[in-house]
Amino acid sequence: MSRFRVLIVDDSDDAREGIRMILDDDPVFEVVAEGRSGEEAIALTERWMPDLILMDIQMPGMDGLEATKRLKDKYPYVKVVMVTVSGDIAHLFDALKKGAQGYLLKNLKPESWHEYLKAIAVDEAPMTRELAFRILKEFSQFDNGTDQCSPLTNREREILELVAKGMSNKDISNTLDISEHTVKNHLKNILQKLHLENRVQLARYAYEKGWMGNR
């Protein structure tokens, strides 16, 4: 696997040091710069052109959400993962709306960070079980009597529901007895048909349609 250049943005010196220590344990990640604010995130991205940005949400001046929106407008290729102590589902959806590819809680184990960030970097990010549960809980509060019409085939819808349950490509291939390559191609088709960008947005779509309510 190629090395991924990482920018860490957090106003806390201790938090940045902790994140750097986690990433230093895996040679796949190379921390190229650190910033303390949204403004610094934009300036450092222009200078270093990282592959991945780990962004705190609440910072003085420009916060992480606004910085993410501006960065994605200017550098759509860069992957942004919000890193926070907050488990507030509203922050998650705000982050996705601004263009973030992922969302990590600072209290997760380091090995979970490594696995998740590698998957984000290669566009195959499975949702953590905790995240899948939060989204399910959030959307269970809404009326799911939405239009069931969909451009998806039965197989694509089946795969979408498994993605929404937090399954990785490998898990889905084992469950459906198909190759991982086939799963990847199905996911590309699904994302194109629904005009979505990542797995978290796919899960949200499934819950909004009420497809997970009886499972």
C-alpha atoms as a PDB file:
ATOM      1  CA  MET A   1       0.000   0.000   0.000  1.00  0.00           C
ATOM      2  CA  SER A   2       1.259   3.498  -0.876  1.00  0.00           C
ATOM      3  CA  ARG A   3       2.127   5.992   1.826  1.00  0.00           C
ATOM      4  CA  PHE A   4      -0.452   8.663   2.585  1.00  0.00           C
ATOM      5  CA  ARG A   5       0.545  12.241   3.389  1.00  0.00           C
ATOM      6  CA  VAL A   6      -1.453  13.515   6.360  1.00  0.00           C
ATOM      7  CA  LEU A   7      -2.222  16.982   7.704  1.00  0.00           C
ATOM      8  CA  ILE A   8      -3.371  17.173  11.357  1.00  0.00           C
ATOM      9  CA  VAL A   9      -5.472  20.193  12.348  1.00  0.00           C
ATOM     10  CA  ASP A  10      -6.406  20.692  16.006  1.00  0.00           C
ATOM     11  CA  ASP A  11      -6.045  23.684  18.329  1.00  0.00           C
ATOM     12  CA  SER A  12      -4.918  21.415  21.187  1.00  0.00           C
ATOM     13  CA  ASP A  13      -1.180  20.648  21.301  1.00  0.00           C
ATOM     14  CA  ASP A  14      -1.877  17.476  23.288  1.00  0.00           C
ATOM     15  CA  ALA A  15      -4.485  16.290  20.794  1.00  0.00           C
ATOM     16  CA  ARG A  16      -2.150  16.817  17.828  1.00  0.00           C
ATOM     17  CA  GLU A  17       0.640  14.980  19.619  1.00  0.00           C
ATOM     18  CA  GLY A  18      -1.713  12.091  20.430  1.00  0.00           C
ATOM     19  CA  ILE A  19      -2.902  11.823  16.826  1.00  0.00           C
ATOM     20  CA  ARG A  20       0.657  11.968  15.531  1.00  0.00           C
ATOM     21  CA  MET A  21       1.695   9.164  17.902  1.00  0.00           C
ATOM     22  CA  ILE A  22      -1.166   6.989  16.638  1.00  0.00           C
ATOM     23  CA  LEU A  23      -0.201   7.579  13.013  1.00  0.00           C
ATOM     24  CA  ASP A  24       3.525   7.127  13.636  1.00  0.00           C
ATOM     25  CA  ASP A  25       2.785   3.532  14.674  1.00  0.00           C
ATOM     26  CA  ASP A  26       1.861   2.715  11.065  1.00  0.00           C
ATOM     27  CA  PRO A  27       4.412   3.376   8.276  1.00  0.00           C
ATOM     28  CA  VAL A  28       1.590   3.856   5.763  1.00  0.00           C
ATOM     29  CA  PHE A  29       0.951   7.345   7.187  1.00  0.00           C
ATOM     30  CA  GLU A  30       3.350  10.271   6.894  1.00  0.00           C
ATOM     31  CA  VAL A  31       2.421  13.381   8.874  1.00  0.00           C
ATOM     32  CA  VAL A  32       3.636  16.275   6.714  1.00  0.00           C
ATOM     33  CA  ALA A  33       2.257  19.215   8.711  1.00  0.00           C
ATOM     34  CA  GLU A  34       0.171  20.311  11.691  1.00  0.00           C
ATOM     35  CA  GLY A  35      -2.207  23.252  12.061  1.00  0.00           C
ATOM     36  CA  ARG A  36      -4.165  24.899  14.869  1.00  0.00           C
ATOM     37  CA  SER A  37      -7.115  26.449  13.011  1.00  0.00           C
ATOM     38  CA  GLY A  38      -9.266  26.326   9.926  1.00  0.00           C
ATOM     39  CA  GLU A  39      -7.269  29.161   8.401  1.00  0.00           C
ATOM     40  CA  GLU A  40      -4.030  27.214   8.903  1.00  0.00           C
ATOM     41  CA  ALA A  41      -5.652  24.109   7.450  1.00  0.00           C
ATOM     42  CA  ILE A  42      -6.294  25.932   4.172  1.00  0.00           C
ATOM     43  CA  ALA A  43      -2.820  27.477   4.017  1.00  0.00           C
ATOM     44  CA  LEU A  44      -1.072  24.200   4.858  1.00  0.00           C
ATOM     45  CA  THR A  45      -3.125  22.239   2.351  1.00  0.00           C
ATOM     46  CA  GLU A  46      -2.059  24.642  -0.390  1.00  0.00           C
ATOM     47  CA  ARG A  47       1.563  24.254   0.659  1.00  0.00           C
ATOM     48  CA  TRP A  48       1.781  20.511   1.311  1.00  0.00           C
ATOM     49  CA  MET A  49      -1.035  19.008  -0.823  1.00  0.00           C
ATOM     50  CA  PRO A  50      -1.811  16.177   1.641  1.00  0.00           C
ATOM     51  CA  ASP A  51      -3.806  13.077   0.742  1.00  0.00           C
ATOM     52  CA  LEU A  52      -5.681  13.089   4.029  1.00  0.00           C
ATOM     53  CA  ILE A  53      -6.628  15.780   6.560  1.00  0.00           C
ATOM     54  CA  LEU A  54      -7.586  14.925  10.136  1.00  0.00           C
ATOM     55  CA  MET A  55      -9.665  17.906  11.228  1.00  0.00           C
ATOM     56  CA  ASP A  56     -10.969  18.897  14.647  1.00  0.00           C
ATOM     57  CA  ILE A  57     -14.470  20.425  14.586  1.00  0.00           C
ATOM     58  CA  GLN A  58     -14.379  23.067  17.297  1.00  0.00           C
ATOM     59  CA  MET A  59     -11.485  25.498  16.911  1.00  0.00           C
ATOM     60  CA  PRO A  60     -11.117  29.258  17.470  1.00  0.00           C
ATOM     61  CA  GLY A  61     -11.578  31.402  14.379  1.00  0.00           C
ATOM     62  CA  MET A  62     -12.678  29.309  11.428  1.00  0.00           C
ATOM     63  CA  ASP A  63     -13.969  25.973  12.741  1.00  0.00           C
ATOM     64  CA  GLY A  64     -13.327  22.581  11.176  1.00  0.00           C
ATOM     65  CA  LEU A  65     -16.682  22.389   9.392  1.00  0.00           C
ATOM     66  CA  GLU A  66     -16.232  25.682   7.539  1.00  0.00           C
ATOM     67  CA  ALA A  67     -12.611  24.835   6.745  1.00  0.00           C
ATOM     68  CA  THR A  68     -13.718  21.481   5.331  1.00  0.00           C
ATOM     69  CA  LYS A  69     -16.285  23.133   3.070  1.00  0.00           C
ATOM     70  CA  ARG A  70     -13.727  25.591   1.706  1.00  0.00           C
ATOM     71  CA  LEU A  71     -11.088  22.910   1.245  1.00  0.00           C
ATOM     72  CA  LYS A  72     -13.431  20.562  -0.612  1.00  0.00           C
ATOM     73  CA  ASP A  73     -14.526  23.404  -2.898  1.00  0.00           C
ATOM     74  CA  LYS A  74     -10.910  24.183  -3.773  1.00  0.00           C
ATOM     75  CA  TYR A  75      -9.287  20.732  -3.482  1.00  0.00           C
ATOM     76  CA  PRO A  76     -12.005  18.111  -4.078  1.00  0.00           C
ATOM     77  CA  TYR A  77      -9.436  15.297  -4.237  1.00  0.00           C
ATOM     78  CA  VAL A  78      -8.335  15.658  -0.609  1.00  0.00           C
ATOM     79  CA  LYS A  79      -9.927  13.319   1.943  1.00  0.00           C
ATOM     80  CA  VAL A  80     -11.112  14.991   5.162  1.00  0.00           C
ATOM     81  CA  VAL A  81     -11.888  13.039   8.334  1.00  0.00           C
ATOM     82  CA  MET A  82     -13.345  14.915  11.279  1.00  0.00           C
ATOM     83  CA  VAL A  83     -11.703  13.962  14.587  1.00  0.00           C
ATOM     84  CA  THR A  84     -13.575  14.966  17.720  1.00  0.00           C
ATOM     85  CA  VAL A  85     -14.594  14.023  21.251  1.00  0.00           C
ATOM     86  CA  SER A  86     -18.214  14.749  20.358  1.00  0.00           C
ATOM     87  CA  GLY A  87     -20.593  11.896  19.554  1.00  0.00           C
ATOM     88  CA  ASP A  88     -23.308  14.344  18.517  1.00  0.00           C
ATOM     89  CA  ILE A  89     -24.992  12.974  15.396  1.00  0.00           C
ATOM     90  CA  ALA A  90     -25.703  16.545  14.244  1.00  0.00           C
ATOM     91  CA  HIS A  91     -21.963  17.133  13.944  1.00  0.00           C
ATOM     92  CA  LEU A  92     -21.652  14.016  11.819  1.00  0.00           C
ATOM     93  CA  PHE A  93     -24.263  15.155   9.331  1.00  0.00           C
ATOM     94  CA  ASP A  94     -22.887  18.700   9.272  1.00  0.00           C
ATOM     95  CA  ALA A  95     -19.481  17.251   8.444  1.00  0.00           C
ATOM     96  CA  LEU A  96     -20.872  15.109   5.618  1.00  0.00           C
ATOM     97  CA  LYS A  97     -22.798  18.057   4.232  1.00  0.00           C
ATOM     98  CA  LYS A  98     -19.568  20.062   4.123  1.00  0.00           C
ATOM     99  CA  GLY A  99     -17.868  17.257   2.169  1.00  0.00           C
ATOM    100  CA  ALA A 100     -16.019  15.216   4.804  1.00  0.00           C
ATOM    101  CA  GLN A 101     -15.381  11.569   3.957  1.00  0.00           C
ATOM    102  CA  GLY A 102     -15.367  10.286   7.517  1.00  0.00           C
ATOM    103  CA  TYR A 103     -15.783  10.915  11.223  1.00  0.00           C
ATOM    104  CA  LEU A 104     -13.629   9.547  14.066  1.00  0.00           C
ATOM    105  CA  LEU A 105     -14.069   9.822  17.809  1.00  0.00           C
ATOM    106  CA  LYS A 106     -10.867  10.482  19.732  1.00  0.00           C
ATOM    107  CA  ASN A 107     -11.616   7.727  22.233  1.00  0.00           C
ATOM    108  CA  LEU A 108     -11.483   4.924  19.648  1.00  0.00           C
ATOM    109  CA  LYS A 109      -8.603   2.440  19.891  1.00  0.00           C
ATOM    110  CA  PRO A 110      -5.529   3.207  17.731  1.00  0.00           C
ATOM    111  CA  GLU A 111      -5.964   0.034  15.672  1.00  0.00           C
ATOM    112  CA  SER A 112      -9.450   1.212  14.742  1.00  0.00           C
ATOM    113  CA  TRP A 113      -7.929   4.480  13.504  1.00  0.00           C
ATOM    114  CA  HIS A 114      -5.422   2.667  11.295  1.00  0.00           C
ATOM    115  CA  GLU A 115      -7.995   0.391   9.693  1.00  0.00           C
ATOM    116  CA  TYR A 116     -10.548   3.136   9.152  1.00  0.00           C
ATOM    117  CA  LEU A 117      -8.140   5.735   7.755  1.00  0.00           C
ATOM    118  CA  LYS A 118      -6.551   3.269   5.334  1.00  0.00           C
ATOM    119  CA  ALA A 119      -9.997   2.407   4.046  1.00  0.00           C
ATOM    120  CA  ILE A 120     -10.888   6.101   3.690  1.00  0.00           C
ATOM    121  CA  ALA A 121      -7.662   6.747   1.793  1.00  0.00           C
ATOM    122  CA  VAL A 122      -8.448   4.069  -0.809  1.00  0.00           C
ATOM    123  CA  ASP A 123     -12.183   4.830  -1.040  1.00  0.00           C
ATOM    124  CA  GLU A 124     -13.332   1.630   0.648  1.00  0.00           C
ATOM    125  CA  ALA A 125     -14.212   2.914   4.107  1.00  0.00           C
ATOM    126  CA  PRO A 126     -16.536   0.653   6.096  1.00  0.00           C
ATOM    127  CA  MET A 127     -18.569   2.385   8.752  1.00  0.00           C
ATOM    128  CA  THR A 128     -17.685   1.546  12.321  1.00  0.00           C
ATOM    129  CA  ARG A 129     -20.381  -0.375  14.180  1.00  0.00           C
ATOM    130  CA  GLU A 130     -20.728   2.560  16.594  1.00  0.00           C
ATOM    131  CA  LEU A 131     -21.341   4.956  13.719  1.00  0.00           C
ATOM    132  CA  ALA A 132     -23.826   2.632  12.033  1.00  0.00           C
ATOM    133  CA  PHE A 133     -25.718   2.330  15.317  1.00  0.00           C
ATOM    134  CA  ARG A 134     -25.841   6.101  15.823  1.00  0.00           C
ATOM    135  CA  ILE A 135     -27.230   6.661  12.350  1.00  0.00           C
ATOM    136  CA  LEU A 136     -29.801   3.903  12.790  1.00  0.00           C
ATOM    137  CA  LYS A 137     -30.877   5.375  16.117  1.00  0.00           C
ATOM    138  CA  GLU A 138     -31.097   8.872  14.645  1.00  0.00           C
ATOM    139  CA  PHE A 139     -33.189   7.920  11.657  1.00  0.00           C
ATOM    140  CA  SER A 140     -35.463   5.632  13.651  1.00  0.00           C
ATOM    141  CA  GLN A 141     -36.925   8.839  15.079  1.00  0.00           C
ATOM    142  CA  PHE A 142     -38.184   9.945  11.677  1.00  0.00           C
ATOM    143  CA  ASP A 143     -41.174   8.857   9.631  1.00  0.00           C
ATOM    144  CA  ASN A 144     -39.840   6.371   7.104  1.00  0.00           C
ATOM    145  CA  GLY A 145     -42.896   6.383   4.890  1.00  0.00           C
ATOM    146  CA  THR A 146     -40.930   7.806   2.002  1.00  0.00           C
ATOM    147  CA  ASP A 147     -41.148   6.942  -1.648  1.00  0.00           C
ATOM    148  CA  GLN A 148     -39.791   3.457  -2.160  1.00  0.00           C
ATOM    149  CA  CYS A 149     -39.015   4.000  -5.861  1.00  0.00           C
ATOM    150  CA  SER A 150     -35.337   3.512  -6.631  1.00  0.00           C
ATOM    151  CA  PRO A 151     -33.080   3.222  -9.688  1.00  0.00           C
ATOM    152  CA  LEU A 152     -31.267   0.315  -8.015  1.00  0.00           C
ATOM    153  CA  THR A 153     -31.496  -3.339  -8.993  1.00  0.00           C
ATOM    154  CA  ASN A 154     -32.442  -5.903  -6.343  1.00  0.00           C
ATOM    155  CA  ARG A 155     -28.793  -6.909  -5.966  1.00  0.00           C
ATOM    156  CA  GLU A 156     -27.658  -3.282  -5.618  1.00  0.00           C
ATOM    157  CA  ARG A 157     -30.297  -2.622  -3.006  1.00  0.00           C
ATOM    158  CA  GLU A 158     -29.201  -5.751  -1.144  1.00  0.00           C
ATOM    159  CA  ILE A 159     -25.604  -4.516  -1.126  1.00  0.00           C
ATOM    160  CA  LEU A 160     -26.697  -1.051  -0.037  1.00  0.00           C
ATOM    161  CA  GLU A 161     -28.522  -2.492   2.973  1.00  0.00           C
ATOM    162  CA  LEU A 162     -25.397  -4.443   3.998  1.00  0.00           C
ATOM    163  CA  VAL A 163     -23.280  -1.282   3.673  1.00  0.00           C
ATOM    164  CA  ALA A 164     -25.764   0.476   5.942  1.00  0.00           C
ATOM    165  CA  LYS A 165     -25.241  -2.252   8.542  1.00  0.00           C
ATOM    166  CA  GLY A 166     -21.535  -1.392   8.669  1.00  0.00           C
ATOM    167  CA  MET A 167     -20.190  -4.276   6.583  1.00  0.00           C
ATOM    168  CA  SER A 168     -16.894  -4.003   4.707  1.00  0.00           C
ATOM    169  CA  ASN A 169     -16.482  -5.125   1.083  1.00  0.00           C
ATOM    170  CA  LYS A 170     -15.016  -8.408   2.308  1.00  0.00           C
ATOM    171  CA  ASP A 171     -17.942  -9.011   4.676  1.00  0.00           C
ATOM    172  CA  ILE A 172     -20.416  -8.320   1.874  1.00  0.00           C
ATOM    173  CA  SER A 173     -18.613 -10.637  -0.549  1.00  0.00           C
ATOM    174  CA  ASN A 174     -18.703 -13.446   2.025  1.00  0.00           C
ATOM    175  CA  THR A 175     -22.360 -12.850   2.867  1.00  0.00           C
ATOM    176  CA  LEU A 176     -23.516 -12.794  -0.752  1.00  0.00           C
ATOM    177  CA  ASP A 177     -20.949 -15.332  -2.019  1.00  0.00           C
ATOM    178  CA  ILE A 178     -19.570 -12.975  -4.665  1.00  0.00           C
ATOM    179  CA  SER A 179     -16.064 -11.588  -5.207  1.00  0.00           C
ATOM    180  CA  GLU A 180     -14.840  -8.371  -3.603  1.00  0.00           C
ATOM    181  CA  HIS A 181     -14.215  -7.038  -7.103  1.00  0.00           C
ATOM    182  CA  THR A 182     -17.892  -7.565  -7.917  1.00  0.00           C
ATOM    183  CA  VAL A 183     -18.881  -5.776  -4.714  1.00  0.00           C
ATOM    184  CA  LYS A 184     -16.643  -2.806  -5.602  1.00  0.00           C
ATOM    185  CA  ASN A 185     -18.183  -2.522  -9.055  1.00  0.00           C
ATOM    186  CA  HIS A 186     -21.694  -2.684  -7.622  1.00  0.00           C
ATOM    187  CA  LEU A 187     -20.814   0.087  -5.166  1.00  0.00           C
ATOM    188  CA  LYS A 188     -19.451   2.280  -7.954  1.00  0.00           C
ATOM    189  CA  ASN A 189     -22.716   1.809  -9.857  1.00  0.00           C
ATOM    190  CA  ILE A 190     -24.803   2.555  -6.762  1.00  0.00           C
ATOM    191  CA  LEU A 191     -22.863   5.740  -5.966  1.00  0.00           C
ATOM    192  CA  GLN A 192     -23.246   6.916  -9.568  1.00  0.00           C
ATOM    193  CA  LYS A 193     -26.961   6.163  -9.729  1.00  0.00           C
ATOM    194  CA  LEU A 194     -27.716   7.910  -6.431  1.00  0.00           C
ATOM    195  CA  HIS A 195     -25.282  10.793  -7.005  1.00  0.00           C
ATOM    196  CA  LEU A 196     -23.595  10.113  -3.658  1.00  0.00           C
ATOM    197  CA  GLU A 197     -19.916  10.196  -2.691  1.00  0.00           C
ATOM    198  CA  ASN A 198     -19.216   7.677   0.062  1.00  0.00           C
ATOM    199  CA  ARG A 199     -20.456   4.792   2.202  1.00  0.00           C
ATOM    200  CA  VAL A 200     -21.746   6.932   5.034  1.00  0.00           C
ATOM    201  CA  GLN A 201     -23.982   8.821   2.623  1.00  0.00           C
ATOM    202  CA  LEU A 202     -25.159   5.483   1.216  1.00  0.00           C
ATOM    203  CA  ALA A 203     -26.152   4.350   4.704  1.00  0.00           C
ATOM    204  CA  ARG A 204     -28.010   7.574   5.299  1.00  0.00           C
ATOM    205  CA  TYR A 205     -29.887   7.101   2.007  1.00  0.00           C
ATOM    206  CA  ALA A 206     -30.951   3.596   3.043  1.00  0.00           C
ATOM    207  CA  TYR A 207     -32.258   4.793   6.393  1.00  0.00           C
ATOM    208  CA  GLU A 208     -34.078   7.742   4.851  1.00  0.00           C
ATOM    209  CA  LYS A 209     -35.841   5.339   2.493  1.00  0.00           C
ATOM    210  CA  GLY A 210     -36.884   3.199   5.458  1.00  0.00           C
ATOM    211  CA  TRP A 211     -35.213   0.122   4.040  1.00  0.00           C
ATOM    212  CA  MET A 212     -33.582  -0.800   7.358  1.00  0.00           C
ATOM    213  CA  GLY A 213     -36.642  -0.457   9.564  1.00  0.00           C
ATOM    214  CA  ASN A 214     -37.636  -4.129   9.571  1.00  0.00           C
ATOM    215  CA  ARG A 215     -34.167  -5.635   9.660  1.00  0.00           C
END
